[in-house]
Amino acid sequence: MAVAESPVPGTRPLRGDVVAGLTAAAVVIPKAMAYATIAGLPIEVGLYTAFVPMLVYVLLGTSRPLSVSTTTTIAILTGAELSMIVPDADPARLITVTATLTLMVGAILIAASLLRLGFVANFISLPVLVGFKAGIGVVIIVDQLPKLLGLHFDKGSFLHNIGEVVRGLGHLSWPTLAVGLGTTALLTLIERFRPQWPAPLIAVAAAIAGAGLLGWQAHGIDLVGTVPSGFPHLTMPDLDLVERLWPGACGIALMSFTETIAVGRAFQAPHEPLPRANRELLATGAGNAVSAFFGAMPSGGGMSQTAVNRRAGARSQMAQVFTAGATVATMLLLAPLIGLMPHATLAALVIVYSIGLIHPADFRDILRVRHTEFLWALAAFAGVMLLGTLKGILVAIVVSLVALAQQAADPPVRVLGRKRGTNVFRPPSPEHPDDETFPGLLLLKLEGRLFFMNAERVADKIRPLIAQHHPRYVVIDMSGLFDLEYSALNALVEAERRYRAAGVQLVLAELNPEVYAMVQRSPLGQVLGEERMLFNLEVAVARLQAAAAAPRHAESPT
């Protein structure tokens, strides 16, 4: 367990963790209950999820401030999976399926840790993640609107739910809407003017007090109702469901780990070590696997609760022990009061914090920098809303992988000139009109990996450059090429043969040791010899400049 060292002697570090843990609990407990309702589960499941995974993470995790329970993204992915397996929402069956799903998520994460697949967290690009999370935020808001408005209808697709909300506006419950809007206003005002206060706890306490003292249920305001008190009972997963649940479990596991590692890195202090990806897989996997037997839903690192934990002074993972302790106290002592909470309050809580997933400014920044990646973000955004959350995450992954393949399949080929009076070679630009070029020499630079997918594309880019410049020598700077695959090497052999037949000689410069050794072992190395595999562009220009500018019948120095 990674425990933060503190320069302050005595009990002050522990006191900081106590304060941070209890402060975080004021945020974690109401939100965990709200997220359980997103998944279509009883709210006590949220309490179980804010208890067991935290304690397991304390033993195995590597991020000091990370607070682990569930998140909006995980909750809605879980809800989408449960709605397919248990369409009638039978409570007992829901708990069994949830336990099975959570155990599978944990097993997948543990297996990924053993296989050292921590790098998978980088498979979803940032623009795609921006679009995916924004789509999730919109879906959650639409999903919670019926509770905020006091409407009742059978849930369906995103577009179906929007249509039902619009059709039901004439039958909304004004008292329910008033409670929801009041909760929203209270949360917003506290977050705006008193951000250090536990806004979710205050809002929930105010709603419970109003329901208990003013008899809100008599005005048609739906309350949570009976909440079981005490520790969770042992819940056994149903392994017969594995075949049906594994696709959804894989998606939830990926999102759990992606959020966990992202949050852990975001709140790492300068003096703290970075969270170790494969260890985080093990910690979150074990937390899910153990908590499954206590009826918890899938879990991962939460952004807002970690922010509160860090802001309140958490110095080590011990803060989570006190958050979990506060959750236990809630389960044992406060269950009757929680039953008085209006559903509209929970819906408002979910909506307010789900809005935080939607960042229009991020879309604008992506569009300003790169139009193509903006389209990727929009694809992920639309995929979640139109195809559903589980298919939406697949769209996000596929878009990321296609984007990666597209970039790899179209590497840049840069024409170079030399900054006058220096040995600096760079692409030509209007800002540097006096850069040197060399008659008879075409200087090019390749970057990235040259392999079967992009070798022909690179050749297609070089051919018109040769036709435009009519060089005697094509000198390729290989310093930015970190790998040369066999198929691409064969393509270079063929290119050299064609160039030579057309009176153009190929010269390679600044090969890294691995690429150089590979070329040496190939027919290309035999053809080029040491004379046409040079140390760098400066050497190549010095050696070839005179020969390149000479008449065609002149003898080449190579």
Protein backbone atom coordinates (compact mmCIF):
# COMPACT_ATOMS: atom_id res chain seq x y z
CA MET A 1 0.00 0.00 0.00
CA ALA A 2 1.33 3.40 -0.94
CA VAL A 3 1.11 5.73 2.05
CA ALA A 4 2.04 9.37 1.73
CA GLU A 5 4.91 10.55 3.90
CA SER A 6 4.31 13.78 5.69
CA PRO A 7 6.87 16.22 7.01
CA VAL A 8 4.49 17.03 9.86
CA PRO A 9 5.17 14.97 12.99
CA GLY A 10 2.66 13.43 15.35
CA THR A 11 -0.96 12.75 14.50
CA ARG A 12 -1.52 15.51 11.97
CA PRO A 13 -1.28 13.25 8.89
CA LEU A 14 -3.91 10.91 10.34
CA ARG A 15 -6.07 13.88 11.34
CA GLY A 16 -5.93 15.11 7.75
CA ASP A 17 -7.06 11.70 6.50
CA VAL A 18 -9.90 11.61 9.05
CA VAL A 19 -11.20 15.02 7.97
CA ALA A 20 -10.78 14.20 4.26
CA GLY A 21 -12.42 10.79 4.58
CA LEU A 22 -15.48 12.10 6.42
CA THR A 23 -15.77 15.08 4.08
CA ALA A 24 -15.59 12.79 1.05
CA ALA A 25 -18.23 10.56 2.63
CA ALA A 26 -20.67 13.47 2.56
CA VAL A 27 -20.28 13.45 -1.24
CA VAL A 28 -19.78 9.74 -1.86
CA ILE A 29 -22.79 8.38 0.07
CA PRO A 30 -25.57 10.45 -1.56
CA LYS A 31 -24.04 10.10 -5.01
CA ALA A 32 -23.52 6.35 -4.68
CA MET A 33 -27.19 5.93 -3.82
CA ALA A 34 -28.14 8.11 -6.78
CA TYR A 35 -25.91 6.12 -9.13
CA ALA A 36 -27.57 2.90 -7.98
CA THR A 37 -30.87 4.31 -9.23
CA ILE A 38 -29.25 5.07 -12.59
CA ALA A 39 -28.47 1.38 -12.89
CA GLY A 40 -32.04 0.50 -11.90
CA LEU A 41 -30.92 -0.98 -8.57
CA PRO A 42 -32.10 -0.42 -4.99
CA ILE A 43 -30.27 2.50 -3.41
CA GLU A 44 -28.68 0.32 -0.72
CA VAL A 45 -26.58 -1.25 -3.49
CA GLY A 46 -24.93 2.15 -3.82
CA LEU A 47 -24.00 2.01 -0.14
CA TYR A 48 -22.47 -1.45 -0.55
CA THR A 49 -20.44 -0.14 -3.49
CA ALA A 50 -19.13 2.76 -1.40
CA PHE A 51 -17.90 0.36 1.28
CA VAL A 52 -16.13 -2.83 0.15
CA PRO A 53 -14.19 -1.61 -2.94
CA MET A 54 -12.66 1.22 -0.92
CA LEU A 55 -11.25 -1.10 1.70
CA VAL A 56 -9.77 -3.44 -0.90
CA TYR A 57 -8.20 -0.50 -2.73
CA VAL A 58 -6.56 0.66 0.50
CA LEU A 59 -4.65 -2.63 0.56
CA LEU A 60 -3.65 -2.80 -3.11
CA GLY A 61 -3.94 0.63 -4.77
CA THR A 62 -1.09 2.95 -5.71
CA SER A 63 -2.83 6.36 -5.89
CA ARG A 64 -2.86 8.20 -2.58
CA PRO A 65 -5.92 10.47 -3.04
CA LEU A 66 -8.06 8.19 -5.25
CA SER A 67 -11.56 7.54 -3.85
CA VAL A 68 -13.20 4.39 -5.20
CA SER A 69 -16.91 3.61 -5.48
CA THR A 70 -18.98 3.86 -8.64
CA THR A 71 -19.38 6.58 -11.27
CA THR A 72 -22.05 7.89 -13.60
CA THR A 73 -20.44 6.19 -16.59
CA ILE A 74 -20.14 2.81 -14.90
CA ALA A 75 -23.66 3.10 -13.50
CA ILE A 76 -25.31 3.71 -16.84
CA LEU A 77 -23.27 0.95 -18.52
CA THR A 78 -24.37 -1.38 -15.73
CA GLY A 79 -27.98 -0.29 -16.09
CA ALA A 80 -27.92 -0.91 -19.83
CA GLU A 81 -26.62 -4.43 -19.30
CA LEU A 82 -29.12 -5.22 -16.52
CA SER A 83 -32.04 -3.97 -18.59
CA MET A 84 -31.19 -6.51 -21.29
CA ILE A 85 -30.76 -9.46 -18.92
CA VAL A 86 -33.59 -8.61 -16.48
CA PRO A 87 -36.16 -6.70 -18.55
CA ASP A 88 -38.87 -7.17 -15.91
CA ALA A 89 -36.60 -5.64 -13.20
CA ASP A 90 -37.29 -8.46 -10.74
CA PRO A 91 -35.44 -7.30 -7.57
CA ALA A 92 -34.01 -10.68 -6.54
CA ARG A 93 -32.88 -11.45 -10.07
CA LEU A 94 -31.34 -7.98 -10.42
CA ILE A 95 -29.15 -8.54 -7.36
CA THR A 96 -27.95 -11.91 -8.64
CA VAL A 97 -27.17 -10.59 -12.11
CA THR A 98 -25.43 -7.54 -10.63
CA ALA A 99 -23.24 -9.76 -8.45
CA THR A 100 -22.32 -11.87 -11.47
CA LEU A 101 -21.56 -8.83 -13.60
CA THR A 102 -19.42 -7.24 -10.87
CA LEU A 103 -17.49 -10.48 -10.34
CA MET A 104 -16.83 -10.75 -14.07
CA VAL A 105 -15.63 -7.14 -14.26
CA GLY A 106 -13.26 -7.89 -11.39
CA ALA A 107 -12.01 -11.10 -13.01
CA ILE A 108 -11.37 -9.32 -16.32
CA LEU A 109 -9.41 -6.55 -14.58
CA ILE A 110 -7.35 -9.05 -12.58
CA ALA A 111 -6.60 -11.08 -15.71
CA ALA A 112 -5.59 -7.88 -17.51
CA SER A 113 -3.24 -7.08 -14.62
CA LEU A 114 -1.60 -10.52 -14.78
CA LEU A 115 -1.18 -10.10 -18.55
CA ARG A 116 0.24 -6.60 -17.97
CA LEU A 117 -2.33 -4.92 -20.18
CA GLY A 118 -2.23 -1.57 -18.41
CA PHE A 119 -1.38 0.12 -21.71
CA VAL A 120 -4.94 -0.63 -22.89
CA ALA A 121 -6.06 2.50 -21.02
CA ASN A 122 -4.44 4.49 -23.81
CA PHE A 123 -6.52 2.84 -26.55
CA ILE A 124 -9.29 5.42 -26.27
CA SER A 125 -8.05 8.77 -27.53
CA LEU A 126 -8.88 11.93 -25.61
CA PRO A 127 -11.25 13.37 -28.29
CA VAL A 128 -13.16 10.08 -28.42
CA LEU A 129 -13.35 10.00 -24.61
CA VAL A 130 -14.65 13.60 -24.61
CA GLY A 131 -17.44 12.61 -27.02
CA PHE A 132 -18.24 9.40 -25.19
CA LYS A 133 -18.55 11.06 -21.80
CA ALA A 134 -20.65 13.90 -23.18
CA GLY A 135 -22.98 11.35 -24.75
CA ILE A 136 -23.20 9.49 -21.45
CA GLY A 137 -24.06 12.76 -19.69
CA VAL A 138 -26.92 13.50 -22.10
CA VAL A 139 -28.27 9.93 -21.82
CA ILE A 140 -28.21 10.10 -18.01
CA ILE A 141 -30.01 13.45 -17.93
CA VAL A 142 -32.75 12.18 -20.24
CA ASP A 143 -32.99 9.00 -18.16
CA GLN A 144 -33.52 11.00 -14.94
CA LEU A 145 -36.01 13.55 -16.32
CA PRO A 146 -39.09 11.35 -15.63
CA LYS A 147 -38.21 11.21 -11.91
CA LEU A 148 -37.65 14.95 -11.88
CA LEU A 149 -41.02 15.57 -13.54
CA GLY A 150 -43.02 12.89 -11.75
CA LEU A 151 -43.70 10.95 -14.98
CA HIS A 152 -44.07 7.18 -15.29
CA PHE A 153 -43.53 5.24 -18.52
CA ASP A 154 -41.68 2.18 -19.78
CA LYS A 155 -38.07 3.07 -20.56
CA GLY A 156 -36.69 2.39 -24.03
CA SER A 157 -34.09 3.82 -26.37
CA PHE A 158 -32.76 7.34 -26.03
CA LEU A 159 -35.08 8.71 -28.72
CA HIS A 160 -38.04 6.78 -27.26
CA ASN A 161 -37.41 8.28 -23.82
CA ILE A 162 -37.22 11.80 -25.23
CA GLY A 163 -40.51 11.28 -27.05
CA GLU A 164 -42.21 9.96 -23.91
CA VAL A 165 -40.96 12.90 -21.84
CA VAL A 166 -42.28 15.38 -24.41
CA ARG A 167 -45.66 13.60 -24.58
CA GLY A 168 -45.92 13.50 -20.79
CA LEU A 169 -45.26 17.20 -20.15
CA GLY A 170 -48.98 17.85 -19.87
CA HIS A 171 -49.23 15.36 -16.99
CA LEU A 172 -46.18 16.28 -14.95
CA SER A 173 -46.34 16.51 -11.16
CA TRP A 174 -45.75 20.13 -10.17
CA PRO A 175 -44.87 19.32 -6.53
CA THR A 176 -42.32 16.74 -7.71
CA LEU A 177 -40.82 19.24 -10.16
CA ALA A 178 -40.64 21.85 -7.40
CA VAL A 179 -38.64 19.46 -5.19
CA GLY A 180 -36.32 18.60 -8.06
CA LEU A 181 -35.74 22.22 -9.04
CA GLY A 182 -35.27 23.21 -5.41
CA THR A 183 -32.62 20.51 -4.97
CA THR A 184 -30.93 21.61 -8.19
CA ALA A 185 -30.90 25.24 -7.09
CA LEU A 186 -29.54 24.36 -3.66
CA LEU A 187 -26.74 22.21 -5.12
CA THR A 188 -25.83 24.89 -7.65
CA LEU A 189 -25.77 27.71 -5.13
CA ILE A 190 -23.63 25.80 -2.66
CA GLU A 191 -21.18 24.69 -5.35
CA ARG A 192 -21.00 28.30 -6.57
CA PHE A 193 -20.72 30.25 -3.33
CA ARG A 194 -19.63 27.70 -0.69
CA PRO A 195 -17.67 25.04 -2.58
CA GLN A 196 -16.07 23.81 0.64
CA TRP A 197 -19.46 22.69 1.98
CA PRO A 198 -20.71 19.11 1.33
CA ALA A 199 -23.44 20.14 -1.14
CA PRO A 200 -24.90 16.65 -1.80
CA LEU A 201 -25.23 15.90 1.92
CA ILE A 202 -26.91 19.25 2.63
CA ALA A 203 -29.34 18.83 -0.27
CA VAL A 204 -30.27 15.28 0.73
CA ALA A 205 -30.68 16.25 4.39
CA ALA A 206 -32.92 19.18 3.46
CA ALA A 207 -35.09 16.95 1.24
CA ILE A 208 -35.42 14.27 3.90
CA ALA A 209 -36.36 16.89 6.49
CA GLY A 210 -38.96 18.37 4.14
CA ALA A 211 -40.48 14.97 3.36
CA GLY A 212 -40.59 13.97 7.02
CA LEU A 213 -41.87 17.23 8.49
CA LEU A 214 -44.18 18.43 5.70
CA GLY A 215 -45.62 15.14 4.50
CA TRP A 216 -44.56 15.51 0.88
CA GLN A 217 -45.74 12.02 0.00
CA ALA A 218 -49.34 13.18 0.47
CA HIS A 219 -48.79 15.63 -2.40
CA GLY A 220 -47.86 12.90 -4.86
CA ILE A 221 -44.11 13.15 -4.37
CA ASP A 222 -42.58 9.67 -4.66
CA LEU A 223 -40.17 8.69 -1.87
CA VAL A 224 -37.46 6.05 -1.88
CA GLY A 225 -39.34 3.93 0.67
CA THR A 226 -37.96 1.17 2.86
CA VAL A 227 -34.17 0.78 2.85
CA PRO A 228 -32.75 -2.36 4.49
CA SER A 229 -30.47 -1.57 7.42
CA GLY A 230 -27.42 -3.54 8.50
CA PHE A 231 -24.59 -5.15 6.63
CA PRO A 232 -25.18 -6.61 3.16
CA HIS A 233 -26.00 -10.30 2.94
CA LEU A 234 -23.80 -12.77 1.13
CA THR A 235 -24.80 -12.82 -2.56
CA MET A 236 -23.79 -15.69 -4.81
CA PRO A 237 -23.21 -14.96 -8.51
CA ASP A 238 -24.85 -17.12 -11.18
CA LEU A 239 -22.07 -18.44 -13.39
CA ASP A 240 -24.60 -19.62 -15.99
CA LEU A 241 -24.88 -15.94 -16.99
CA VAL A 242 -21.22 -15.61 -17.97
CA GLU A 243 -21.82 -16.21 -21.67
CA ARG A 244 -24.50 -13.50 -21.85
CA LEU A 245 -22.69 -10.96 -19.69
CA TRP A 246 -19.10 -11.09 -20.92
CA PRO A 247 -19.38 -8.45 -23.70
CA GLY A 248 -20.89 -5.92 -21.30
CA ALA A 249 -18.44 -6.87 -18.56
CA CYS A 250 -15.51 -6.19 -20.91
CA GLY A 251 -16.86 -2.72 -21.74
CA ILE A 252 -17.47 -1.87 -18.08
CA ALA A 253 -14.03 -3.17 -17.10
CA LEU A 254 -12.36 -1.02 -19.73
CA MET A 255 -14.25 2.09 -18.65
CA SER A 256 -13.63 1.36 -14.95
CA PHE A 257 -9.89 1.11 -15.51
CA THR A 258 -9.75 4.07 -17.90
CA GLU A 259 -11.53 6.33 -15.40
CA THR A 260 -9.52 5.01 -12.46
CA ILE A 261 -6.12 5.58 -14.02
CA ALA A 262 -7.16 8.96 -15.46
CA VAL A 263 -8.44 10.23 -12.11
CA GLY A 264 -5.42 8.86 -10.24
CA ARG A 265 -3.06 10.68 -12.60
CA ALA A 266 -5.11 13.88 -12.58
CA PHE A 267 -4.88 14.28 -8.78
CA GLN A 268 -1.31 13.10 -8.28
CA ALA A 269 0.70 15.67 -6.32
CA PRO A 270 4.14 16.70 -7.66
CA HIS A 271 5.98 14.77 -4.94
CA GLU A 272 3.94 11.58 -5.38
CA PRO A 273 4.77 8.68 -7.72
CA LEU A 274 2.50 8.08 -10.70
CA PRO A 275 -0.14 5.37 -10.22
CA ARG A 276 1.14 2.08 -11.64
CA ALA A 277 -1.27 0.97 -14.35
CA ASN A 278 -1.00 -2.79 -13.90
CA ARG A 279 -1.25 -2.49 -10.11
CA GLU A 280 -4.34 -0.31 -10.53
CA LEU A 281 -5.87 -3.06 -12.67
CA LEU A 282 -5.25 -5.52 -9.83
CA ALA A 283 -6.60 -3.16 -7.15
CA THR A 284 -9.82 -2.26 -8.97
CA GLY A 285 -10.26 -5.86 -10.12
CA ALA A 286 -9.91 -7.27 -6.62
CA GLY A 287 -12.28 -4.59 -5.29
CA ASN A 288 -14.92 -5.60 -7.79
CA ALA A 289 -14.40 -9.33 -7.28
CA VAL A 290 -14.72 -9.14 -3.50
CA SER A 291 -17.60 -6.67 -3.44
CA ALA A 292 -19.60 -8.85 -5.85
CA PHE A 293 -20.31 -11.25 -2.99
CA PHE A 294 -21.75 -8.34 -1.00
CA GLY A 295 -24.23 -7.37 -3.72
CA ALA A 296 -22.27 -4.33 -4.94
CA MET A 297 -22.33 -2.96 -8.47
CA PRO A 298 -19.15 -2.45 -10.55
CA SER A 299 -16.83 0.23 -9.23
CA GLY A 300 -13.88 2.43 -10.13
CA GLY A 301 -12.21 5.70 -9.24
CA GLY A 302 -14.57 8.68 -9.06
CA MET A 303 -13.56 12.14 -10.27
CA SER A 304 -15.64 14.41 -8.01
CA GLN A 305 -15.16 12.39 -4.82
CA THR A 306 -11.41 12.18 -5.42
CA ALA A 307 -11.33 15.94 -5.94
CA VAL A 308 -13.11 16.43 -2.61
CA ASN A 309 -10.82 13.92 -0.92
CA ARG A 310 -7.71 15.71 -2.15
CA ARG A 311 -9.06 19.20 -1.48
CA ALA A 312 -10.00 18.22 2.07
CA GLY A 313 -6.42 17.22 2.81
CA ALA A 314 -6.12 13.47 2.17
CA ARG A 315 -2.51 12.39 2.60
CA SER A 316 -2.85 8.65 2.15
CA GLN A 317 -5.33 5.92 1.31
CA MET A 318 -6.32 5.81 4.99
CA ALA A 319 -8.82 8.55 4.13
CA GLN A 320 -10.87 5.88 2.35
CA VAL A 321 -11.03 3.83 5.53
CA PHE A 322 -12.90 6.68 7.21
CA THR A 323 -15.15 7.17 4.18
CA ALA A 324 -16.01 3.47 4.31
CA GLY A 325 -16.60 3.76 8.07
CA ALA A 326 -19.08 6.59 7.51
CA THR A 327 -20.84 4.40 4.94
CA VAL A 328 -21.13 1.58 7.49
CA ALA A 329 -22.61 4.00 10.03
CA THR A 330 -25.14 5.08 7.41
CA MET A 331 -26.12 1.47 6.68
CA LEU A 332 -26.53 0.64 10.37
CA LEU A 333 -28.14 3.81 11.72
CA LEU A 334 -29.57 6.03 9.00
CA ALA A 335 -31.48 3.62 6.73
CA PRO A 336 -34.94 4.73 8.01
CA LEU A 337 -34.13 8.37 7.26
CA ILE A 338 -32.83 7.54 3.78
CA GLY A 339 -36.21 5.98 3.02
CA LEU A 340 -37.77 9.47 3.28
CA MET A 341 -35.64 10.80 0.42
CA PRO A 342 -37.70 11.92 -2.64
CA HIS A 343 -36.81 10.31 -5.96
CA ALA A 344 -36.80 13.82 -7.43
CA THR A 345 -33.93 14.75 -5.12
CA LEU A 346 -31.87 11.80 -6.26
CA ALA A 347 -32.68 12.64 -9.89
CA ALA A 348 -31.61 16.25 -9.40
CA LEU A 349 -28.40 15.09 -7.74
CA VAL A 350 -27.62 12.81 -10.69
CA ILE A 351 -28.46 15.48 -13.28
CA VAL A 352 -26.37 18.20 -11.64
CA TYR A 353 -23.28 16.00 -11.49
CA SER A 354 -23.87 14.42 -14.89
CA ILE A 355 -23.80 17.86 -16.49
CA GLY A 356 -20.15 17.87 -15.47
CA LEU A 357 -19.52 15.17 -18.06
CA ILE A 358 -20.50 17.54 -20.88
CA HIS A 359 -17.82 20.07 -21.83
CA PRO A 360 -18.71 22.02 -25.00
CA ALA A 361 -15.44 23.92 -24.64
CA ASP A 362 -13.54 20.66 -25.12
CA PHE A 363 -15.33 20.08 -28.43
CA ARG A 364 -14.50 23.63 -29.47
CA ASP A 365 -10.83 23.21 -28.55
CA ILE A 366 -10.59 19.95 -30.49
CA LEU A 367 -12.23 21.54 -33.55
CA ARG A 368 -9.82 24.47 -33.39
CA VAL A 369 -6.81 22.18 -33.32
CA ARG A 370 -7.86 19.32 -35.61
CA HIS A 371 -11.07 18.92 -37.60
CA THR A 372 -10.67 15.15 -38.08
CA GLU A 373 -10.49 14.42 -34.36
CA PHE A 374 -13.52 16.62 -33.80
CA LEU A 375 -15.42 14.23 -36.07
CA TRP A 376 -14.19 11.32 -33.95
CA ALA A 377 -15.56 13.03 -30.84
CA LEU A 378 -18.91 13.58 -32.56
CA ALA A 379 -19.02 9.93 -33.67
CA ALA A 380 -18.54 8.74 -30.10
CA PHE A 381 -21.08 11.28 -28.83
CA ALA A 382 -23.74 10.17 -31.33
CA GLY A 383 -22.90 6.50 -30.91
CA VAL A 384 -23.75 6.51 -27.21
CA MET A 385 -27.09 8.24 -27.74
CA LEU A 386 -28.28 6.46 -30.87
CA LEU A 387 -26.86 2.95 -30.39
CA GLY A 388 -26.93 2.64 -26.61
CA THR A 389 -24.18 2.88 -24.06
CA LEU A 390 -22.59 -0.54 -24.47
CA LYS A 391 -22.57 -0.27 -28.24
CA GLY A 392 -21.51 3.33 -27.82
CA ILE A 393 -18.36 2.33 -25.95
CA LEU A 394 -17.60 -0.11 -28.76
CA VAL A 395 -18.03 2.75 -31.22
CA ALA A 396 -15.60 4.79 -29.11
CA ILE A 397 -13.01 2.00 -29.11
CA VAL A 398 -13.43 1.28 -32.82
CA VAL A 399 -13.18 4.97 -33.68
CA SER A 400 -9.98 5.22 -31.63
CA LEU A 401 -8.45 2.16 -33.29
CA VAL A 402 -9.49 3.30 -36.77
CA ALA A 403 -7.99 6.70 -36.02
CA LEU A 404 -4.76 5.01 -34.91
CA ALA A 405 -4.71 2.84 -38.05
CA GLN A 406 -5.41 5.88 -40.21
CA GLN A 407 -2.50 7.78 -38.73
CA ALA A 408 -0.19 4.78 -39.05
CA ALA A 409 -1.29 4.17 -42.65
CA ASP A 410 -0.54 7.73 -43.74
CA PRO A 411 2.82 8.78 -42.28
CA PRO A 412 4.26 12.14 -43.28
CA VAL A 413 6.91 12.47 -45.98
CA ARG A 414 8.63 15.83 -45.51
CA VAL A 415 10.80 17.67 -48.03
CA LEU A 416 13.74 19.30 -46.25
CA GLY A 417 15.92 22.33 -46.80
CA ARG A 418 18.81 23.64 -44.69
CA LYS A 419 18.76 26.76 -42.55
CA ARG A 420 21.41 28.96 -44.13
CA GLY A 421 24.72 28.93 -42.30
CA THR A 422 23.79 26.00 -40.02
CA ASN A 423 23.44 22.22 -40.08
CA VAL A 424 19.72 22.43 -39.25
CA PHE A 425 17.43 20.76 -41.80
CA ARG A 426 13.72 21.58 -41.77
CA PRO A 427 10.64 21.60 -44.05
CA PRO A 428 10.28 24.72 -46.22
CA SER A 429 7.85 27.39 -45.08
CA PRO A 430 6.93 30.99 -46.01
CA GLU A 431 8.55 32.12 -42.75
CA HIS A 432 11.95 30.83 -43.96
CA PRO A 433 12.21 31.73 -47.66
CA ASP A 434 16.03 31.80 -47.63
CA ASP A 435 16.54 28.16 -46.57
CA GLU A 436 19.04 26.38 -48.82
CA THR A 437 18.08 23.75 -51.38
CA PHE A 438 20.57 21.77 -53.44
CA PRO A 439 20.28 21.20 -57.20
CA GLY A 440 20.13 17.53 -58.02
CA LEU A 441 19.40 16.56 -54.39
CA LEU A 442 15.95 15.76 -53.01
CA LEU A 443 16.09 15.59 -49.21
CA LEU A 444 13.18 13.75 -47.61
CA LYS A 445 12.36 12.69 -44.06
CA LEU A 446 10.22 9.71 -43.01
CA GLU A 447 8.70 9.43 -39.54
CA GLY A 448 7.07 6.71 -37.47
CA ARG A 449 6.93 3.07 -38.53
CA LEU A 450 7.23 1.89 -42.13
CA PHE A 451 5.27 -1.35 -42.59
CA PHE A 452 3.01 -3.24 -44.97
CA MET A 453 0.00 -0.97 -44.39
CA ASN A 454 1.72 2.29 -45.32
CA ALA A 455 4.65 1.34 -47.58
CA GLU A 456 2.70 1.88 -50.81
CA ARG A 457 1.25 5.14 -49.48
CA VAL A 458 4.76 6.46 -48.78
CA ALA A 459 5.83 5.44 -52.29
CA ASP A 460 2.82 7.29 -53.72
CA LYS A 461 3.94 10.44 -51.91
CA ILE A 462 7.56 10.21 -53.06
CA ARG A 463 6.88 9.59 -56.77
CA PRO A 464 5.39 13.06 -57.54
CA LEU A 465 8.18 14.72 -55.57
CA ILE A 466 10.77 13.02 -57.79
CA ALA A 467 8.80 14.05 -60.88
CA GLN A 468 8.69 17.64 -59.62
CA HIS A 469 12.35 18.06 -58.60
CA HIS A 470 14.16 15.76 -61.14
CA PRO A 471 16.90 14.88 -58.64
CA ARG A 472 20.08 12.90 -59.23
CA TYR A 473 19.93 11.64 -55.65
CA VAL A 474 17.00 11.02 -53.31
CA VAL A 475 18.36 11.24 -49.77
CA ILE A 476 15.99 9.91 -47.10
CA ASP A 477 16.57 10.99 -43.51
CA MET A 478 15.63 7.89 -41.47
CA SER A 479 16.26 9.42 -38.03
CA GLY A 480 12.51 9.61 -37.32
CA LEU A 481 11.86 6.04 -38.52
CA PHE A 482 11.91 3.76 -35.49
CA ASP A 483 10.88 0.52 -37.22
CA LEU A 484 11.13 -0.97 -40.70
CA GLU A 485 8.94 -4.02 -41.33
CA TYR A 486 9.93 -6.76 -43.79
CA SER A 487 7.24 -5.93 -46.37
CA ALA A 488 8.25 -2.27 -46.31
CA LEU A 489 11.91 -3.25 -46.67
CA ASN A 490 11.05 -5.22 -49.79
CA ALA A 491 9.16 -2.18 -51.09
CA LEU A 492 12.33 -0.12 -50.59
CA VAL A 493 14.33 -2.71 -52.54
CA GLU A 494 11.88 -2.40 -55.46
CA ALA A 495 11.86 1.40 -55.21
CA GLU A 496 15.66 1.53 -55.34
CA ARG A 497 15.65 -0.67 -58.46
CA ARG A 498 13.09 1.59 -60.19
CA TYR A 499 14.93 4.78 -59.21
CA ARG A 500 18.25 3.39 -60.47
CA ALA A 501 16.67 2.43 -63.80
CA ALA A 502 15.44 6.04 -64.12
CA GLY A 503 18.90 7.45 -63.34
CA VAL A 504 18.12 8.34 -59.72
CA GLN A 505 20.17 6.95 -56.83
CA LEU A 506 18.67 6.26 -53.40
CA VAL A 507 20.70 7.27 -50.34
CA LEU A 508 19.71 6.55 -46.73
CA ALA A 509 20.94 8.75 -43.87
CA GLU A 510 20.94 8.46 -40.07
CA LEU A 511 19.47 4.98 -39.64
CA ASN A 512 19.00 3.87 -36.05
CA PRO A 513 21.00 0.72 -35.12
CA GLU A 514 18.06 -1.70 -35.41
CA VAL A 515 16.95 -0.41 -38.82
CA TYR A 516 20.57 -0.26 -40.03
CA ALA A 517 21.18 -3.90 -39.05
CA MET A 518 18.01 -4.99 -40.85
CA VAL A 519 18.93 -3.14 -44.04
CA GLN A 520 22.43 -4.59 -43.91
CA ARG A 521 21.02 -8.13 -43.82
CA SER A 522 18.80 -7.49 -46.85
CA PRO A 523 19.49 -7.17 -50.60
CA LEU A 524 19.05 -3.41 -50.19
CA GLY A 525 22.13 -3.25 -47.98
CA GLN A 526 24.18 -5.08 -50.61
CA VAL A 527 23.05 -2.69 -53.35
CA LEU A 528 23.53 0.52 -51.35
CA GLY A 529 26.75 -0.44 -49.60
CA GLU A 530 28.41 1.83 -47.07
CA GLU A 531 28.68 4.57 -49.70
CA ARG A 532 24.90 5.15 -49.79
CA MET A 533 24.12 4.62 -46.09
CA LEU A 534 25.49 7.77 -44.50
CA PHE A 535 25.81 9.11 -40.99
CA ASN A 536 23.44 12.07 -41.35
CA LEU A 537 22.07 14.63 -43.82
CA GLU A 538 24.99 17.00 -43.34
CA VAL A 539 27.44 14.30 -44.42
CA ALA A 540 25.16 13.33 -47.32
CA VAL A 541 24.92 16.91 -48.62
CA ALA A 542 28.66 17.46 -48.30
CA ARG A 543 29.46 14.24 -50.16
CA LEU A 544 26.79 14.38 -52.88
CA GLN A 545 26.30 18.09 -53.59
CA ALA A 546 28.96 18.41 -56.30
CA ALA A 547 28.01 15.16 -58.03
CA ALA A 548 24.31 16.01 -57.93
CA ALA A 549 24.87 19.34 -59.67
CA ALA A 550 27.19 17.87 -62.35
CA PRO A 551 26.00 16.90 -65.84
CA ARG A 552 24.38 13.50 -66.13
CA HIS A 553 27.39 11.93 -67.81
CA ALA A 554 29.70 12.90 -64.90
CA GLU A 555 30.97 10.08 -62.75
CA SER A 556 29.27 9.70 -59.42
CA PRO A 557 31.39 9.72 -56.25
CA THR A 558 29.41 6.73 -55.06
